N, C-alpha and C. Protein backbone atom coordinates (compact mmCIF):
# COMPACT_ATOMS: atom_id res chain seq x y z
N MET A 1 3.24 -19.66 -3.83
CA MET A 1 3.45 -18.25 -3.52
C MET A 1 2.31 -17.44 -4.13
N ALA A 2 1.83 -16.51 -3.36
CA ALA A 2 0.77 -15.61 -3.81
C ALA A 2 1.38 -14.29 -4.25
N ARG A 3 0.63 -13.57 -5.06
CA ARG A 3 1.01 -12.21 -5.46
C ARG A 3 0.11 -11.23 -4.71
N ALA A 4 0.71 -10.15 -4.25
CA ALA A 4 -0.04 -9.10 -3.58
C ALA A 4 0.54 -7.76 -4.00
N TRP A 5 -0.29 -6.72 -3.88
CA TRP A 5 0.12 -5.38 -4.24
C TRP A 5 -0.08 -4.49 -3.03
N LEU A 6 0.95 -3.74 -2.69
CA LEU A 6 0.97 -2.92 -1.49
C LEU A 6 1.17 -1.46 -1.89
N GLY A 7 0.40 -0.59 -1.26
CA GLY A 7 0.56 0.84 -1.46
C GLY A 7 1.37 1.41 -0.32
N LEU A 8 2.35 2.24 -0.64
CA LEU A 8 3.21 2.86 0.37
C LEU A 8 3.13 4.37 0.25
N GLY A 9 3.17 5.04 1.38
CA GLY A 9 3.16 6.50 1.37
C GLY A 9 3.75 7.06 2.64
N ALA A 10 4.25 8.30 2.53
CA ALA A 10 4.80 9.02 3.68
C ALA A 10 4.74 10.50 3.37
N ASN A 11 4.60 11.33 4.45
CA ASN A 11 4.60 12.77 4.21
C ASN A 11 5.24 13.60 5.32
N ILE A 12 5.92 12.95 6.26
CA ILE A 12 6.70 13.70 7.24
C ILE A 12 8.09 13.07 7.34
N GLY A 13 9.06 13.84 7.78
CA GLY A 13 10.44 13.37 7.81
C GLY A 13 11.03 13.53 6.41
N ASP A 14 11.60 12.46 5.88
CA ASP A 14 12.13 12.41 4.51
C ASP A 14 11.31 11.37 3.75
N PRO A 15 10.12 11.76 3.27
CA PRO A 15 9.20 10.78 2.70
C PRO A 15 9.78 9.86 1.62
N PRO A 16 10.48 10.39 0.59
CA PRO A 16 11.01 9.45 -0.42
C PRO A 16 11.96 8.41 0.19
N ALA A 17 12.83 8.84 1.10
CA ALA A 17 13.77 7.91 1.72
C ALA A 17 13.03 6.88 2.58
N GLN A 18 12.00 7.32 3.27
CA GLN A 18 11.24 6.40 4.13
C GLN A 18 10.49 5.36 3.31
N VAL A 19 9.93 5.78 2.18
CA VAL A 19 9.24 4.82 1.31
C VAL A 19 10.24 3.81 0.78
N ARG A 20 11.40 4.28 0.35
CA ARG A 20 12.43 3.34 -0.15
C ARG A 20 12.87 2.39 0.96
N GLU A 21 13.03 2.91 2.18
CA GLU A 21 13.42 2.04 3.30
C GLU A 21 12.34 0.99 3.57
N ALA A 22 11.08 1.38 3.49
CA ALA A 22 10.00 0.42 3.71
C ALA A 22 10.03 -0.69 2.66
N VAL A 23 10.33 -0.34 1.41
CA VAL A 23 10.44 -1.36 0.35
C VAL A 23 11.57 -2.33 0.69
N GLU A 24 12.70 -1.80 1.15
CA GLU A 24 13.83 -2.67 1.53
C GLU A 24 13.44 -3.58 2.69
N ARG A 25 12.74 -3.04 3.68
CA ARG A 25 12.32 -3.85 4.82
C ARG A 25 11.32 -4.92 4.39
N LEU A 26 10.42 -4.59 3.49
CA LEU A 26 9.49 -5.60 2.98
C LEU A 26 10.26 -6.74 2.33
N ASP A 27 11.23 -6.39 1.50
CA ASP A 27 11.99 -7.40 0.76
C ASP A 27 12.82 -8.28 1.69
N ARG A 28 13.17 -7.79 2.87
CA ARG A 28 13.93 -8.58 3.84
C ARG A 28 13.03 -9.39 4.77
N TRP A 29 11.74 -9.10 4.78
CA TRP A 29 10.82 -9.78 5.70
C TRP A 29 10.66 -11.24 5.27
N PRO A 30 10.75 -12.18 6.21
CA PRO A 30 10.57 -13.60 5.86
C PRO A 30 9.21 -13.84 5.19
N GLY A 31 9.25 -14.48 4.03
CA GLY A 31 8.02 -14.82 3.32
C GLY A 31 7.53 -13.75 2.37
N ILE A 32 8.32 -12.68 2.19
CA ILE A 32 7.95 -11.60 1.27
C ILE A 32 9.14 -11.32 0.35
N ARG A 33 8.85 -11.20 -0.93
CA ARG A 33 9.87 -10.80 -1.90
C ARG A 33 9.28 -9.75 -2.82
N VAL A 34 9.88 -8.57 -2.86
CA VAL A 34 9.42 -7.52 -3.76
C VAL A 34 9.86 -7.88 -5.17
N VAL A 35 8.90 -7.98 -6.10
CA VAL A 35 9.22 -8.39 -7.47
C VAL A 35 9.09 -7.25 -8.48
N ARG A 36 8.35 -6.21 -8.11
CA ARG A 36 8.17 -5.08 -9.02
C ARG A 36 7.78 -3.86 -8.20
N GLN A 37 8.21 -2.69 -8.64
CA GLN A 37 7.81 -1.47 -7.96
C GLN A 37 7.58 -0.36 -8.96
N SER A 38 6.60 0.47 -8.65
CA SER A 38 6.28 1.62 -9.50
C SER A 38 7.28 2.74 -9.24
N GLY A 39 7.18 3.76 -10.04
CA GLY A 39 7.89 4.98 -9.74
C GLY A 39 7.23 5.67 -8.55
N MET A 40 7.91 6.66 -8.00
CA MET A 40 7.36 7.38 -6.86
C MET A 40 6.62 8.61 -7.36
N LEU A 41 5.48 8.87 -6.73
CA LEU A 41 4.65 10.03 -7.06
C LEU A 41 4.61 10.99 -5.89
N LEU A 42 4.52 12.27 -6.16
CA LEU A 42 4.24 13.27 -5.15
C LEU A 42 2.77 13.63 -5.30
N THR A 43 1.97 13.41 -4.27
CA THR A 43 0.52 13.55 -4.38
C THR A 43 -0.06 14.38 -3.23
N LYS A 44 -1.21 14.95 -3.51
CA LYS A 44 -1.94 15.69 -2.49
C LYS A 44 -2.55 14.71 -1.50
N PRO A 45 -2.72 15.12 -0.25
CA PRO A 45 -3.34 14.24 0.75
C PRO A 45 -4.79 13.94 0.40
N TRP A 46 -5.26 12.80 0.88
CA TRP A 46 -6.63 12.33 0.64
C TRP A 46 -7.29 12.20 1.99
N GLY A 47 -8.54 12.61 2.10
CA GLY A 47 -9.25 12.49 3.37
C GLY A 47 -9.04 13.71 4.23
N LYS A 48 -7.90 13.79 4.87
CA LYS A 48 -7.52 14.95 5.69
C LYS A 48 -6.52 15.75 4.86
N THR A 49 -6.96 16.89 4.34
CA THR A 49 -6.17 17.60 3.33
C THR A 49 -5.26 18.69 3.86
N ASP A 50 -5.34 19.02 5.15
CA ASP A 50 -4.50 20.09 5.70
C ASP A 50 -3.19 19.53 6.26
N GLN A 51 -2.39 18.97 5.35
CA GLN A 51 -1.12 18.38 5.73
C GLN A 51 -0.21 18.37 4.50
N PRO A 52 1.08 18.07 4.68
CA PRO A 52 2.01 18.06 3.54
C PRO A 52 1.65 17.01 2.50
N ASP A 53 2.14 17.22 1.28
CA ASP A 53 1.96 16.25 0.20
C ASP A 53 2.66 14.94 0.56
N PHE A 54 2.24 13.87 -0.11
CA PHE A 54 2.76 12.53 0.13
C PHE A 54 3.67 12.06 -1.00
N SER A 55 4.64 11.25 -0.66
CA SER A 55 5.37 10.44 -1.62
C SER A 55 4.71 9.07 -1.59
N ASN A 56 4.27 8.60 -2.76
CA ASN A 56 3.54 7.32 -2.85
C ASN A 56 4.12 6.43 -3.93
N MET A 57 3.96 5.14 -3.72
CA MET A 57 4.30 4.15 -4.75
C MET A 57 3.55 2.86 -4.44
N VAL A 58 3.58 1.93 -5.38
CA VAL A 58 3.00 0.60 -5.21
C VAL A 58 4.08 -0.42 -5.52
N VAL A 59 4.10 -1.50 -4.73
CA VAL A 59 4.99 -2.61 -5.01
C VAL A 59 4.17 -3.88 -5.18
N GLU A 60 4.67 -4.75 -6.01
CA GLU A 60 4.12 -6.10 -6.16
C GLU A 60 5.05 -7.03 -5.41
N VAL A 61 4.46 -7.90 -4.60
CA VAL A 61 5.26 -8.85 -3.84
C VAL A 61 4.80 -10.26 -4.11
N GLU A 62 5.73 -11.18 -4.02
CA GLU A 62 5.43 -12.60 -3.93
C GLU A 62 5.50 -12.93 -2.46
N THR A 63 4.51 -13.68 -1.97
CA THR A 63 4.51 -13.96 -0.54
C THR A 63 3.98 -15.35 -0.23
N SER A 64 4.56 -15.93 0.79
CA SER A 64 4.04 -17.19 1.33
C SER A 64 3.12 -16.91 2.52
N LEU A 65 2.96 -15.62 2.86
CA LEU A 65 2.12 -15.25 3.99
C LEU A 65 0.66 -15.19 3.58
N ALA A 66 -0.21 -15.58 4.47
CA ALA A 66 -1.65 -15.41 4.27
C ALA A 66 -1.97 -13.93 4.36
N PRO A 67 -3.13 -13.49 3.88
CA PRO A 67 -3.45 -12.06 3.87
C PRO A 67 -3.28 -11.36 5.23
N LEU A 68 -3.80 -11.94 6.30
CA LEU A 68 -3.66 -11.29 7.61
C LEU A 68 -2.22 -11.30 8.10
N GLU A 69 -1.46 -12.32 7.76
CA GLU A 69 -0.04 -12.34 8.11
C GLU A 69 0.71 -11.24 7.35
N LEU A 70 0.33 -11.03 6.08
CA LEU A 70 0.95 -9.96 5.30
C LEU A 70 0.61 -8.61 5.91
N LEU A 71 -0.64 -8.41 6.31
CA LEU A 71 -1.02 -7.18 7.00
C LEU A 71 -0.18 -6.98 8.26
N ASP A 72 -0.03 -8.03 9.05
CA ASP A 72 0.77 -7.92 10.27
C ASP A 72 2.22 -7.57 9.98
N ALA A 73 2.77 -8.10 8.89
CA ALA A 73 4.13 -7.75 8.49
C ALA A 73 4.21 -6.26 8.15
N CYS A 74 3.23 -5.77 7.39
CA CYS A 74 3.21 -4.34 7.03
C CYS A 74 3.11 -3.47 8.27
N LEU A 75 2.24 -3.84 9.20
CA LEU A 75 2.09 -3.08 10.44
C LEU A 75 3.37 -3.14 11.28
N GLY A 76 4.04 -4.29 11.28
CA GLY A 76 5.30 -4.42 12.01
C GLY A 76 6.37 -3.51 11.44
N ILE A 77 6.44 -3.41 10.12
CA ILE A 77 7.40 -2.52 9.48
C ILE A 77 7.06 -1.07 9.80
N GLU A 78 5.78 -0.73 9.74
CA GLU A 78 5.37 0.64 10.10
C GLU A 78 5.81 0.98 11.52
N ARG A 79 5.52 0.09 12.47
CA ARG A 79 5.92 0.34 13.86
C ARG A 79 7.42 0.48 13.99
N GLY A 80 8.15 -0.40 13.31
CA GLY A 80 9.61 -0.37 13.35
C GLY A 80 10.20 0.91 12.78
N MET A 81 9.44 1.57 11.92
CA MET A 81 9.89 2.83 11.33
C MET A 81 9.32 4.04 12.06
N GLY A 82 8.64 3.82 13.17
CA GLY A 82 8.17 4.93 13.99
C GLY A 82 6.78 5.42 13.68
N ARG A 83 5.98 4.64 12.97
CA ARG A 83 4.60 5.05 12.67
C ARG A 83 3.78 5.12 13.95
N VAL A 84 3.08 6.22 14.13
CA VAL A 84 2.15 6.39 15.24
C VAL A 84 0.78 6.65 14.63
N ARG A 85 -0.20 5.86 15.03
CA ARG A 85 -1.56 6.03 14.51
C ARG A 85 -2.38 6.84 15.51
N ASP A 86 -2.41 8.18 15.26
CA ASP A 86 -3.17 9.02 16.18
C ASP A 86 -4.26 9.83 15.49
N ILE A 87 -4.09 10.18 14.22
CA ILE A 87 -5.08 10.94 13.47
C ILE A 87 -5.42 10.16 12.20
N ARG A 88 -6.70 9.81 12.04
CA ARG A 88 -7.11 9.07 10.84
C ARG A 88 -6.78 9.89 9.59
N TRP A 89 -6.10 9.25 8.66
CA TRP A 89 -5.65 9.84 7.39
C TRP A 89 -4.73 11.03 7.63
N GLY A 90 -4.10 11.08 8.80
CA GLY A 90 -3.21 12.19 9.15
C GLY A 90 -1.80 11.98 8.66
N PRO A 91 -0.91 12.91 9.00
CA PRO A 91 0.48 12.82 8.60
C PRO A 91 1.12 11.53 9.14
N ARG A 92 2.06 11.00 8.39
CA ARG A 92 2.70 9.76 8.82
C ARG A 92 4.09 9.62 8.24
N ARG A 93 4.93 8.93 9.01
CA ARG A 93 6.30 8.62 8.56
C ARG A 93 6.27 7.54 7.49
N ILE A 94 5.32 6.62 7.61
CA ILE A 94 5.17 5.55 6.61
C ILE A 94 3.79 4.95 6.75
N ASP A 95 3.24 4.55 5.64
CA ASP A 95 1.97 3.84 5.59
C ASP A 95 2.12 2.74 4.56
N ILE A 96 1.73 1.54 4.93
CA ILE A 96 1.79 0.41 3.99
C ILE A 96 0.43 -0.26 4.01
N ASP A 97 -0.28 -0.21 2.88
CA ASP A 97 -1.61 -0.80 2.78
C ASP A 97 -1.58 -2.02 1.86
N VAL A 98 -2.31 -3.06 2.24
CA VAL A 98 -2.53 -4.18 1.35
C VAL A 98 -3.64 -3.74 0.39
N VAL A 99 -3.27 -3.50 -0.86
CA VAL A 99 -4.22 -3.03 -1.86
C VAL A 99 -4.99 -4.21 -2.46
N ALA A 100 -4.27 -5.26 -2.80
CA ALA A 100 -4.89 -6.46 -3.37
C ALA A 100 -4.02 -7.66 -3.04
N TYR A 101 -4.68 -8.79 -2.95
CA TYR A 101 -4.00 -10.07 -2.68
C TYR A 101 -4.61 -11.07 -3.65
N GLU A 102 -3.81 -11.43 -4.68
CA GLU A 102 -4.35 -12.23 -5.78
C GLU A 102 -5.64 -11.56 -6.27
N ARG A 103 -6.69 -12.33 -6.51
CA ARG A 103 -8.01 -11.76 -6.83
C ARG A 103 -8.97 -12.05 -5.69
N LEU A 104 -8.41 -12.16 -4.51
CA LEU A 104 -9.19 -12.47 -3.32
C LEU A 104 -10.08 -11.29 -2.95
N GLU A 105 -11.30 -11.59 -2.54
CA GLU A 105 -12.20 -10.59 -1.99
C GLU A 105 -12.43 -10.97 -0.54
N LEU A 106 -11.98 -10.10 0.35
CA LEU A 106 -11.99 -10.39 1.77
C LEU A 106 -12.53 -9.16 2.50
N ASP A 107 -13.49 -9.39 3.38
CA ASP A 107 -14.07 -8.29 4.15
C ASP A 107 -14.11 -8.71 5.61
N GLU A 108 -12.99 -8.45 6.29
CA GLU A 108 -12.87 -8.79 7.70
C GLU A 108 -12.66 -7.52 8.50
N GLU A 109 -12.78 -7.63 9.79
CA GLU A 109 -12.62 -6.45 10.65
C GLU A 109 -11.28 -5.77 10.45
N ARG A 110 -10.21 -6.54 10.34
CA ARG A 110 -8.87 -5.97 10.24
C ARG A 110 -8.38 -5.74 8.82
N LEU A 111 -9.02 -6.38 7.85
CA LEU A 111 -8.49 -6.31 6.49
C LEU A 111 -9.61 -6.43 5.47
N HIS A 112 -9.57 -5.51 4.52
CA HIS A 112 -10.49 -5.53 3.38
C HIS A 112 -9.64 -5.55 2.12
N VAL A 113 -9.80 -6.59 1.31
CA VAL A 113 -9.11 -6.65 0.02
C VAL A 113 -10.12 -7.00 -1.06
N PRO A 114 -10.06 -6.31 -2.19
CA PRO A 114 -9.17 -5.19 -2.41
C PRO A 114 -9.45 -4.07 -1.41
N HIS A 115 -8.46 -3.22 -1.23
CA HIS A 115 -8.58 -2.11 -0.29
C HIS A 115 -9.84 -1.32 -0.60
N ARG A 116 -10.61 -1.02 0.44
CA ARG A 116 -11.94 -0.44 0.21
C ARG A 116 -11.92 0.93 -0.45
N TYR A 117 -10.82 1.67 -0.41
CA TYR A 117 -10.77 3.00 -1.05
C TYR A 117 -9.85 3.04 -2.27
N ALA A 118 -9.26 1.93 -2.64
CA ALA A 118 -8.28 1.94 -3.74
C ALA A 118 -8.85 2.52 -5.02
N HIS A 119 -10.08 2.17 -5.34
CA HIS A 119 -10.68 2.64 -6.61
C HIS A 119 -10.92 4.15 -6.63
N GLU A 120 -10.86 4.82 -5.47
CA GLU A 120 -11.07 6.27 -5.37
C GLU A 120 -9.77 7.05 -5.29
N ARG A 121 -8.65 6.37 -5.22
CA ARG A 121 -7.38 7.02 -4.94
C ARG A 121 -6.44 6.93 -6.13
N ASP A 122 -6.26 8.07 -6.81
CA ASP A 122 -5.33 8.08 -7.94
C ASP A 122 -3.91 7.76 -7.50
N PHE A 123 -3.56 8.10 -6.25
CA PHE A 123 -2.20 7.81 -5.77
C PHE A 123 -1.97 6.33 -5.58
N VAL A 124 -3.03 5.53 -5.62
CA VAL A 124 -2.91 4.07 -5.64
C VAL A 124 -3.05 3.56 -7.07
N LEU A 125 -4.09 4.03 -7.77
CA LEU A 125 -4.37 3.51 -9.11
C LEU A 125 -3.29 3.84 -10.13
N GLU A 126 -2.77 5.06 -10.10
CA GLU A 126 -1.76 5.43 -11.09
C GLU A 126 -0.51 4.56 -11.00
N PRO A 127 0.10 4.41 -9.80
CA PRO A 127 1.27 3.52 -9.76
C PRO A 127 0.89 2.04 -9.94
N LEU A 128 -0.30 1.65 -9.54
CA LEU A 128 -0.73 0.26 -9.76
C LEU A 128 -0.88 -0.01 -11.25
N ARG A 129 -1.44 0.94 -11.99
CA ARG A 129 -1.56 0.77 -13.45
C ARG A 129 -0.19 0.67 -14.11
N GLU A 130 0.81 1.31 -13.52
CA GLU A 130 2.16 1.25 -14.07
C GLU A 130 2.74 -0.17 -14.02
N ILE A 131 2.47 -0.89 -12.92
CA ILE A 131 3.10 -2.21 -12.75
C ILE A 131 2.14 -3.38 -12.91
N ALA A 132 0.84 -3.14 -12.76
CA ALA A 132 -0.15 -4.23 -12.86
C ALA A 132 -1.49 -3.66 -13.33
N PRO A 133 -1.57 -3.23 -14.60
CA PRO A 133 -2.80 -2.59 -15.08
C PRO A 133 -4.03 -3.48 -14.96
N GLU A 134 -3.84 -4.78 -15.11
CA GLU A 134 -4.99 -5.68 -15.01
C GLU A 134 -5.56 -5.72 -13.59
N VAL A 135 -4.71 -5.56 -12.60
CA VAL A 135 -5.16 -5.53 -11.20
C VAL A 135 -5.91 -4.23 -10.93
N ALA A 136 -5.37 -3.13 -11.43
CA ALA A 136 -6.04 -1.83 -11.26
C ALA A 136 -7.42 -1.86 -11.90
N GLU A 137 -7.52 -2.41 -13.09
CA GLU A 137 -8.82 -2.45 -13.77
C GLU A 137 -9.79 -3.40 -13.07
N TRP A 138 -9.28 -4.50 -12.51
CA TRP A 138 -10.14 -5.40 -11.74
C TRP A 138 -10.70 -4.68 -10.52
N ILE A 139 -9.87 -3.91 -9.83
CA ILE A 139 -10.30 -3.17 -8.65
C ILE A 139 -11.37 -2.15 -9.02
N VAL A 140 -11.12 -1.39 -10.06
CA VAL A 140 -12.08 -0.36 -10.49
C VAL A 140 -13.37 -1.03 -10.96
N GLY A 141 -13.26 -2.06 -11.77
CA GLY A 141 -14.44 -2.76 -12.26
C GLY A 141 -15.27 -3.37 -11.16
N ARG A 142 -14.60 -3.94 -10.18
CA ARG A 142 -15.30 -4.53 -9.04
C ARG A 142 -16.06 -3.47 -8.26
N ALA A 143 -15.44 -2.31 -8.08
CA ALA A 143 -16.06 -1.23 -7.29
C ALA A 143 -17.22 -0.57 -8.03
N THR A 144 -17.09 -0.49 -9.37
CA THR A 144 -18.12 0.24 -10.16
C THR A 144 -19.13 -0.70 -10.79
N GLY A 145 -18.91 -2.00 -10.68
CA GLY A 145 -19.83 -2.96 -11.27
C GLY A 145 -19.70 -3.09 -12.78
N THR A 146 -18.54 -2.69 -13.32
CA THR A 146 -18.34 -2.81 -14.78
C THR A 146 -17.36 -3.90 -15.11
């Protein structure tokens, strides 16, 4: 079983409830078990800033899924919860990002791990530091060369 860290966020509908529902759906997905979760944060939007604040958290999962299979599971949960991808970094009912998968470095068309913007996003780093500080520091160190 591999360990992975997923970032979750939502800012339309009932964001805290939707994030909690996404965690429950992840835990029910075959080959995924949520083993730890951060507290929920209310954060300002990143990228496209003219939208409501986000509810964000990070979960640690144990998974038998390969990285791209885990991504597909996250995308399946997003679709099942009504996620529509129409505006980059725009408002959303739910967003689930693969932030890190073990200490794997992967740069593929569909998936980049660690997540290419994680080191710039306090809404990812703060909850990640809460549950896996060593992973957060690895991500920051890798991005900054320290």
